[in-house]
């Protein structure tokens, strides 16, 4: 029989009125564990959810990898590269690539009777994956975009529509300045809203054919190619593989291909998201520390209260290690009960927020209108295992107090 485990169970189940000193301390320790674990679950789920939401929005506007002209870096007034069917097929043949689509951009201005607004007209072809914009579509529909004819239809953001007092079905006049001023009248076919103001204030979607005509490009010339990958964790590896085969290559019209991924295109955004990981680690360390120290205080009070029992066990031949194991097992029971409540609180918050979005945010500041949450079984296991391990390890030191208790004096201890 495992004597330490047996004795720890007896102590844990002891409800006698004579042992009341340690009950408040034990209760506080369990509450500390529960609150600490709940805060850790909430913090990790919110940070992961926020990072995922922002990352998905950035990727939705620009995909995972872009191939454009080297001479057009960080400019919406792009220079073209040649992208024909054979290049599209070659890019699709990479094992890690999920989807390939062309795009062209043209900066311009929307003008109404009483306002005007700068914008970027983004043209896409029939292979365009519109799932991201459909997910955030508020009104209307996503047109069938073409690379051979112009429908003069656009999808505009709710932000721009509100600024210019536009609604679905309105006709808008857009102007583009190059060697001269060119105008196009477009019909609003759909209105989307991602709450990502950096892009909502900028992009209009239309046919790639019209944008290429505005740019005066030859057939097959586009601003670039957007590539979606199957596994985001392999983004860097996939980028370098494609870059090794494509970077600095010349098309027959003199364009130079240049490969960059979404993190290289938006270093400020991803650096900011990376800083959130530091916040999570600070929260985790603080919560584990608080939970651990409350358990230490509870254990010390319990040892002092059970001094007489410790003396009797030593007198009967139990060594210090066996007695320490008794109190460590007892601590594991308390930690487990606290973790059970902590998991219940944390997961309840997670599922309520995921289903109902109870807690709101200002989208102008945070790019999302509700607190996003995301979690996985792996994170859940790691948080629970880490909390249990850290708390038990922190109790090893205080348990050495047992070795200082003398049987002769402790049995007279009241």
Protein backbone atom coordinates (compact mmCIF):
# COMPACT_ATOMS: atom_id res chain seq x y z
CA UNK A 1 0.00 0.00 0.00
CA UNK A 2 1.18 3.54 -0.76
CA UNK A 3 1.30 4.97 2.77
CA UNK A 4 1.84 8.68 1.82
CA UNK A 5 -1.10 8.58 -0.61
CA UNK A 6 -3.33 6.85 1.96
CA UNK A 7 -2.53 9.34 4.72
CA UNK A 8 -2.92 12.34 2.40
CA UNK A 9 -6.41 11.13 1.44
CA UNK A 10 -7.35 10.81 5.11
CA UNK A 11 -6.13 14.34 5.82
CA UNK A 12 -7.91 15.68 2.74
CA UNK A 13 -11.21 14.06 3.80
CA UNK A 14 -10.85 15.00 7.46
CA UNK A 15 -13.82 17.16 8.45
CA UNK A 16 -13.33 17.07 12.23
CA UNK A 17 -14.10 20.28 14.07
CA UNK A 18 -10.78 20.22 15.85
CA UNK A 19 -8.77 21.07 12.76
CA UNK A 20 -10.19 24.43 11.68
CA UNK A 21 -7.05 26.63 11.67
CA UNK A 22 -5.90 25.58 8.20
CA UNK A 23 -9.30 25.63 6.51
CA UNK A 24 -9.28 29.38 5.56
CA UNK A 25 -5.69 29.12 4.30
CA UNK A 26 -6.49 26.00 2.28
CA UNK A 27 -9.60 27.66 0.84
CA UNK A 28 -7.61 30.77 -0.11
CA UNK A 29 -4.97 28.56 -1.75
CA UNK A 30 -7.60 26.76 -3.83
CA UNK A 31 -9.20 30.07 -4.82
CA UNK A 32 -5.76 31.39 -5.82
CA UNK A 33 -5.17 28.34 -8.03
CA UNK A 34 -8.66 28.63 -9.58
CA UNK A 35 -8.37 32.35 -10.32
CA UNK A 36 -4.81 32.02 -11.62
CA UNK A 37 -5.67 29.19 -13.99
CA UNK A 38 -8.86 30.90 -15.18
CA UNK A 39 -6.93 34.10 -15.94
CA UNK A 40 -4.28 32.12 -17.81
CA UNK A 41 -6.88 30.35 -19.96
CA UNK A 42 -8.69 33.62 -20.69
CA UNK A 43 -5.47 35.53 -21.45
CA UNK A 44 -4.09 32.85 -23.79
CA UNK A 45 -7.41 32.38 -25.61
CA UNK A 46 -7.87 36.13 -26.11
CA UNK A 47 -4.31 36.75 -27.32
CA UNK A 48 -4.37 33.77 -29.69
CA UNK A 49 -7.81 34.80 -30.92
CA UNK A 50 -6.73 38.41 -31.47
CA UNK A 51 -3.54 37.42 -33.29
CA UNK A 52 -5.43 34.94 -35.47
CA UNK A 53 -8.14 37.47 -36.31
CA UNK A 54 -5.72 40.25 -37.27
CA UNK A 55 -3.45 37.89 -39.19
CA UNK A 56 -6.39 36.45 -41.14
CA UNK A 57 -7.56 39.94 -42.09
CA UNK A 58 -4.13 40.97 -43.35
CA UNK A 59 -3.85 37.69 -45.28
CA UNK A 60 -7.39 38.14 -46.62
CA UNK A 61 -6.36 41.35 -48.35
CA UNK A 62 -2.98 40.16 -49.61
CA UNK A 63 -2.75 36.36 -49.29
CA UNK A 64 0.30 34.61 -47.80
CA UNK A 65 2.90 35.31 -50.50
CA UNK A 66 3.08 37.93 -53.26
CA UNK A 67 5.17 38.01 -56.40
CA UNK A 68 5.40 41.50 -57.87
CA UNK A 69 7.82 43.74 -59.76
CA UNK A 70 11.02 44.52 -57.88
CA UNK A 71 10.74 48.17 -59.01
CA UNK A 72 7.30 48.58 -57.43
CA UNK A 73 8.06 47.75 -53.79
CA UNK A 74 5.65 49.33 -51.27
CA UNK A 75 3.74 51.29 -53.90
CA UNK A 76 0.20 50.91 -55.19
CA UNK A 77 1.22 52.64 -58.46
CA UNK A 78 2.81 49.40 -59.55
CA UNK A 79 4.94 48.33 -62.45
CA UNK A 80 3.81 45.17 -64.21
CA UNK A 81 5.22 41.70 -64.47
CA UNK A 82 4.18 39.09 -66.97
CA UNK A 83 2.07 36.29 -65.49
CA UNK A 84 0.85 33.80 -68.06
CA UNK A 85 -0.93 30.46 -67.75
CA UNK A 86 2.32 28.49 -67.64
CA UNK A 87 3.60 30.54 -64.67
CA UNK A 88 0.28 30.12 -62.84
CA UNK A 89 0.47 26.36 -63.41
CA UNK A 90 4.10 26.22 -62.26
CA UNK A 91 3.28 28.05 -59.02
CA UNK A 92 0.27 25.79 -58.40
CA UNK A 93 2.53 22.73 -58.71
CA UNK A 94 4.39 23.54 -55.47
CA UNK A 95 3.30 21.03 -52.84
CA UNK A 96 2.75 23.70 -50.18
CA UNK A 97 0.69 26.01 -52.42
CA UNK A 98 -3.10 25.92 -52.05
CA UNK A 99 -4.23 28.68 -54.43
CA UNK A 100 -2.78 31.16 -56.93
CA UNK A 101 -4.48 34.32 -58.22
CA UNK A 102 -3.49 37.44 -60.16
CA UNK A 103 -4.14 41.02 -59.13
CA UNK A 104 -3.57 44.56 -60.39
CA UNK A 105 -3.87 47.84 -58.53
CA UNK A 106 -4.48 51.46 -59.53
CA UNK A 107 -4.61 54.36 -57.05
CA UNK A 108 -7.30 56.91 -57.67
CA UNK A 109 -10.01 59.03 -56.11
CA UNK A 110 -13.75 58.74 -55.55
CA UNK A 111 -15.67 62.00 -55.95
CA UNK A 112 -19.26 62.68 -54.99
CA UNK A 113 -21.23 65.93 -55.04
CA UNK A 114 -20.04 66.93 -51.58
CA UNK A 115 -16.96 64.84 -50.80
CA UNK A 116 -13.97 63.00 -52.21
CA UNK A 117 -11.76 60.19 -50.96
CA UNK A 118 -8.51 58.58 -52.07
CA UNK A 119 -8.62 54.85 -52.73
CA UNK A 120 -6.90 51.95 -54.48
CA UNK A 121 -8.78 50.04 -57.14
CA UNK A 122 -7.78 46.38 -56.93
CA UNK A 123 -8.55 44.25 -59.95
CA UNK A 124 -8.89 40.49 -59.70
CA UNK A 125 -9.60 37.74 -62.20
CA UNK A 126 -12.01 34.80 -62.42
CA UNK A 127 -9.68 32.64 -60.29
CA UNK A 128 -10.05 35.05 -57.36
CA UNK A 129 -10.88 33.35 -54.05
CA UNK A 130 -13.65 35.57 -52.64
CA UNK A 131 -14.27 33.57 -49.44
CA UNK A 132 -12.69 36.24 -47.20
CA UNK A 133 -14.84 39.03 -48.64
CA UNK A 134 -17.98 36.89 -48.59
CA UNK A 135 -17.35 36.24 -44.89
CA UNK A 136 -17.32 40.00 -44.25
CA UNK A 137 -19.98 41.00 -46.81
CA UNK A 138 -22.77 43.14 -45.32
CA UNK A 139 -24.87 43.89 -48.38
CA UNK A 140 -25.12 42.82 -52.00
CA UNK A 141 -22.89 40.19 -53.56
CA UNK A 142 -19.41 39.57 -54.89
CA UNK A 143 -19.55 39.88 -58.71
CA UNK A 144 -18.03 37.33 -61.07
CA UNK A 145 -14.81 39.14 -61.93
CA UNK A 146 -13.36 38.87 -65.41
CA UNK A 147 -9.97 39.23 -67.09
CA UNK A 148 -11.42 39.81 -70.58
CA UNK A 149 -14.27 42.29 -70.06
CA UNK A 150 -15.15 45.02 -67.61
CA UNK A 151 -18.46 44.94 -65.74
CA UNK A 152 -17.87 48.36 -64.13
CA UNK A 153 -18.98 46.86 -60.81
CA UNK A 154 -17.12 47.28 -57.54
CA UNK A 155 -17.21 46.04 -53.96
CA UNK A 156 -16.64 48.87 -51.50
CA UNK A 157 -16.12 48.94 -47.74
CA UNK A 158 -18.78 50.13 -45.31
CA UNK A 159 -16.26 52.67 -43.99
CA UNK A 160 -15.87 54.35 -47.39
CA UNK A 161 -19.60 54.11 -48.06
CA UNK A 162 -20.37 55.91 -44.79
CA UNK A 163 -17.76 58.60 -45.40
CA UNK A 164 -19.14 59.35 -48.88
CA UNK A 165 -22.83 58.70 -48.03
CA UNK A 166 -23.09 55.87 -50.53
CA UNK A 167 -25.34 52.84 -50.57
CA UNK A 168 -25.74 49.60 -52.49
CA UNK A 169 -26.56 50.18 -56.17
CA UNK A 170 -25.21 53.76 -56.25
CA UNK A 171 -23.09 54.84 -59.18
CA UNK A 172 -19.80 56.47 -58.24
CA UNK A 173 -17.33 58.50 -60.29
CA UNK A 174 -13.69 57.57 -59.89
CA UNK A 175 -10.69 59.47 -61.25
CA UNK A 176 -7.15 58.32 -62.03
CA UNK A 177 -4.17 60.54 -62.74
CA UNK A 178 -1.30 59.37 -64.90
CA UNK A 179 -0.31 61.36 -67.98
CA UNK A 180 -3.83 62.77 -67.93
CA UNK A 181 -6.96 62.43 -65.82
CA UNK A 182 -9.11 59.40 -66.61
CA UNK A 183 -12.58 58.79 -65.21
CA UNK A 184 -14.69 55.68 -64.73
CA UNK A 185 -18.28 55.38 -63.52
CA UNK A 186 -18.72 52.29 -61.37
CA UNK A 187 -21.73 50.64 -59.73
CA UNK A 188 -21.59 49.48 -56.10
CA UNK A 189 -22.44 45.77 -56.23
CA UNK A 190 -21.43 44.82 -52.69
CA UNK A 191 -20.46 46.39 -49.35
CA UNK A 192 -18.03 44.67 -46.97
CA UNK A 193 -16.69 45.49 -43.53
CA UNK A 194 -13.64 43.90 -41.90
CA UNK A 195 -13.09 46.61 -39.23
CA UNK A 196 -9.45 46.68 -40.32
CA UNK A 197 -9.38 50.41 -41.06
CA UNK A 198 -5.97 50.38 -42.72
CA UNK A 199 -7.50 48.41 -45.59
CA UNK A 200 -11.20 49.27 -45.32
CA UNK A 201 -10.32 52.92 -45.99
CA UNK A 202 -8.41 51.96 -49.10
CA UNK A 203 -9.52 49.06 -51.28
CA UNK A 204 -12.25 48.71 -53.89
CA UNK A 205 -12.56 45.36 -55.71
CA UNK A 206 -13.28 45.18 -59.43
CA UNK A 207 -12.33 43.34 -62.64
CA UNK A 208 -8.64 42.99 -63.40
CA UNK A 209 -9.41 43.81 -67.03
CA UNK A 210 -10.45 47.39 -66.22
CA UNK A 211 -7.45 48.05 -63.96
CA UNK A 212 -5.04 46.78 -66.60
CA UNK A 213 -6.64 49.08 -69.19
CA UNK A 214 -6.32 52.04 -66.82
CA UNK A 215 -2.64 51.16 -66.37
CA UNK A 216 -2.19 50.79 -70.15
CA UNK A 217 -0.62 47.33 -69.85
CA UNK A 218 -0.22 44.59 -72.42
CA UNK A 219 -2.08 41.28 -72.28
CA UNK A 220 -0.68 39.06 -69.52
CA UNK A 221 0.83 41.94 -67.54
CA UNK A 222 -0.41 42.37 -63.96
CA UNK A 223 0.74 43.95 -60.71
CA UNK A 224 1.53 40.54 -59.29
CA UNK A 225 0.44 37.15 -58.06
CA UNK A 226 -1.01 36.25 -54.66
CA UNK A 227 -0.27 32.77 -53.34
CA UNK A 228 -2.10 31.02 -50.51
CA UNK A 229 -0.23 28.24 -48.68
CA UNK A 230 -1.67 25.15 -47.03
CA UNK A 231 0.27 25.42 -43.76
CA UNK A 232 1.02 28.85 -42.29
CA UNK A 233 3.74 27.38 -40.05
CA UNK A 234 5.72 26.65 -43.24
CA UNK A 235 5.35 30.17 -44.64
CA UNK A 236 9.04 31.07 -44.44
CA UNK A 237 10.14 27.77 -45.93
CA UNK A 238 7.64 28.04 -48.79
CA UNK A 239 8.59 31.67 -49.46
CA UNK A 240 12.27 30.83 -49.82
CA UNK A 241 11.53 27.85 -52.06
CA UNK A 242 9.50 29.96 -54.45
CA UNK A 243 11.99 32.84 -54.22
CA UNK A 244 14.88 30.54 -55.10
CA UNK A 245 13.16 29.70 -58.38
CA UNK A 246 11.62 33.10 -59.16
CA UNK A 247 13.45 36.02 -57.52
CA UNK A 248 15.34 38.37 -59.87
CA UNK A 249 14.14 36.51 -62.97
CA UNK A 250 13.29 38.73 -65.95
CA UNK A 251 10.14 38.42 -68.02
CA UNK A 252 10.49 39.15 -71.73
CA UNK A 253 9.11 42.69 -71.22
CA UNK A 254 11.79 43.61 -68.70
CA UNK A 255 9.88 43.09 -65.46
CA UNK A 256 11.85 41.67 -62.50
CA UNK A 257 10.03 39.19 -60.25
CA UNK A 258 10.28 39.75 -56.50
CA UNK A 259 8.89 37.35 -53.88
CA UNK A 260 7.78 38.45 -50.41
CA UNK A 261 5.50 36.95 -47.81
CA UNK A 262 2.83 38.75 -45.82
CA UNK A 263 5.09 39.18 -42.77
CA UNK A 264 7.74 40.88 -44.90
CA UNK A 265 5.11 43.11 -46.50
CA UNK A 266 3.65 44.16 -43.14
CA UNK A 267 6.55 44.06 -40.63
CA UNK A 268 5.00 46.64 -38.26
CA UNK A 269 1.75 44.71 -37.85
CA UNK A 270 3.45 41.36 -37.27
CA UNK A 271 6.04 42.88 -34.93
CA UNK A 272 3.15 44.31 -32.90
CA UNK A 273 1.43 40.91 -32.84
CA UNK A 274 4.71 39.33 -31.75
CA UNK A 275 4.85 41.65 -28.72
CA UNK A 276 1.56 40.18 -27.51
CA UNK A 277 3.38 36.91 -26.81
CA UNK A 278 5.52 38.73 -24.23
CA UNK A 279 2.36 39.98 -22.50
CA UNK A 280 1.06 36.40 -22.30
CA UNK A 281 4.29 35.15 -20.71
CA UNK A 282 4.19 37.95 -18.14
CA UNK A 283 0.59 37.05 -17.24
CA UNK A 284 1.40 33.34 -17.03
CA UNK A 285 4.41 33.90 -14.77
CA UNK A 286 2.50 36.28 -12.48
CA UNK A 287 -0.51 33.97 -12.19
CA UNK A 288 1.63 30.88 -11.51
CA UNK A 289 3.55 32.90 -8.91
CA UNK A 290 0.39 34.07 -7.15
CA UNK A 291 -1.13 30.58 -7.18
CA UNK A 292 2.14 29.02 -6.01
CA UNK A 293 2.66 31.41 -3.10
CA UNK A 294 -0.90 30.95 -1.86
CA UNK A 295 -0.30 27.19 -1.90
CA UNK A 296 2.98 27.64 -0.03
CA UNK A 297 1.27 29.61 2.72
CA UNK A 298 -1.49 27.01 2.95
CA UNK A 299 1.02 24.15 3.13
CA UNK A 300 3.08 25.84 5.85
CA UNK A 301 -0.02 26.45 7.98
CA UNK A 302 -1.09 22.85 7.46
CA UNK A 303 2.35 21.52 8.48
CA UNK A 304 2.33 23.64 11.62
CA UNK A 305 -1.18 22.49 12.47
CA UNK A 306 -0.22 18.84 11.93
CA UNK A 307 3.04 19.04 13.93
CA UNK A 308 1.74 16.54 16.49
CA UNK A 309 0.85 14.04 13.75
CA UNK A 310 4.28 14.48 12.15
CA UNK A 311 5.96 13.73 15.50
CA UNK A 312 3.88 10.57 15.95
CA UNK A 313 4.74 9.36 12.42
CA UNK A 314 8.45 9.95 13.06
CA UNK A 315 8.23 8.14 16.37
CA UNK A 316 6.65 5.17 14.56
CA UNK A 317 9.59 5.04 12.15
CA UNK A 318 8.42 7.11 9.18
CA UNK A 319 11.29 9.00 7.58
CA UNK A 320 11.23 12.62 6.46
CA UNK A 321 10.77 11.76 2.77
CA UNK A 322 7.65 9.69 3.46
CA UNK A 323 6.08 12.45 5.55
CA UNK A 324 6.95 15.07 2.93
CA UNK A 325 5.22 12.92 0.32
CA UNK A 326 2.08 12.88 2.50
CA UNK A 327 1.84 16.67 2.43
CA UNK A 328 2.84 16.94 -1.23
CA UNK A 329 0.10 14.48 -2.18
CA UNK A 330 -2.34 16.50 -0.09
CA UNK A 331 -1.22 19.64 -1.94
CA UNK A 332 -1.80 17.90 -5.29
CA UNK A 333 -5.40 17.18 -4.24
CA UNK A 334 -5.92 20.84 -3.34
CA UNK A 335 -4.26 22.05 -6.54
CA UNK A 336 -6.39 19.63 -8.57
CA UNK A 337 -9.60 20.92 -7.02
CA UNK A 338 -8.55 24.52 -7.61
CA UNK A 339 -7.62 23.70 -11.21
CA UNK A 340 -10.99 22.05 -11.75
CA UNK A 341 -12.77 25.27 -10.80
CA UNK A 342 -10.27 27.35 -12.75
CA UNK A 343 -10.87 25.30 -15.89
CA UNK A 344 -14.62 25.59 -15.41
CA UNK A 345 -14.45 29.40 -15.09
CA UNK A 346 -11.98 29.87 -17.97
CA UNK A 347 -13.74 27.54 -20.41
CA UNK A 348 -17.16 28.99 -19.54
CA UNK A 349 -15.87 32.45 -20.48
CA UNK A 350 -14.33 31.04 -23.66
CA UNK A 351 -17.49 29.32 -24.92
CA UNK A 352 -19.81 32.20 -23.97
CA UNK A 353 -17.59 34.74 -25.72
CA UNK A 354 -17.11 32.51 -28.76
CA UNK A 355 -20.85 31.92 -29.20
CA UNK A 356 -22.37 35.25 -28.13
CA UNK A 357 -19.57 37.86 -28.28
CA UNK A 358 -20.63 39.39 -24.96
CA UNK A 359 -17.55 41.59 -24.52
CA UNK A 360 -17.31 44.31 -27.17
CA UNK A 361 -14.38 46.37 -28.44
CA UNK A 362 -14.02 49.62 -30.37
CA UNK A 363 -13.19 48.48 -33.95
CA UNK A 364 -11.50 51.80 -34.71
CA UNK A 365 -8.87 51.02 -32.08
CA UNK A 366 -8.66 47.23 -31.97
CA UNK A 367 -9.68 46.27 -35.57
CA UNK A 368 -12.34 43.90 -34.16
CA UNK A 369 -15.78 44.65 -32.71
CA UNK A 370 -15.80 41.86 -30.10
CA UNK A 371 -13.09 40.23 -28.01
CA UNK A 372 -11.88 37.35 -30.21
CA UNK A 373 -11.05 34.02 -28.59
CA UNK A 374 -9.29 30.98 -29.96
CA UNK A 375 -8.01 27.91 -28.18
CA UNK A 376 -6.77 24.42 -28.88
CA UNK A 377 -6.53 21.17 -26.94
CA UNK A 378 -2.73 21.45 -26.95
CA UNK A 379 -2.79 24.88 -25.28
CA UNK A 380 -5.30 23.57 -22.72
CA UNK A 381 -3.10 20.60 -21.83
CA UNK A 382 0.10 22.67 -21.66
CA UNK A 383 -1.45 25.31 -19.37
CA UNK A 384 -2.87 22.71 -16.99
CA UNK A 385 0.27 20.55 -16.96
CA UNK A 386 2.52 23.59 -16.53
CA UNK A 387 0.42 24.98 -13.67
CA UNK A 388 0.37 21.65 -11.83
CA UNK A 389 4.10 21.07 -12.29
CA UNK A 390 5.10 24.62 -11.31
CA UNK A 391 2.90 24.62 -8.20
CA UNK A 392 4.20 21.24 -6.98
CA UNK A 393 7.83 22.23 -7.59
CA UNK A 394 7.31 25.45 -5.62
CA UNK A 395 6.10 23.34 -2.67
CA UNK A 396 9.24 21.18 -2.50
CA UNK A 397 11.17 23.83 -0.61
CA UNK A 398 8.58 24.55 2.13
CA UNK A 399 8.10 20.82 2.67
CA UNK A 400 11.67 20.71 4.07
CA UNK A 401 10.21 22.25 7.24
CA UNK A 402 9.13 18.71 8.16
CA UNK A 403 12.77 17.66 8.56
CA UNK A 404 13.21 20.26 11.35
CA UNK A 405 10.42 18.87 13.51
CA UNK A 406 11.67 16.86 16.52
CA UNK A 407 9.43 13.91 17.54
CA UNK A 408 10.04 14.37 21.28
CA UNK A 409 8.85 17.97 21.37
CA UNK A 410 6.30 17.80 18.54
CA UNK A 411 4.14 15.14 20.27
CA UNK A 412 3.62 17.64 23.12
CA UNK A 413 2.79 20.37 20.63
CA UNK A 414 -0.73 21.82 20.86
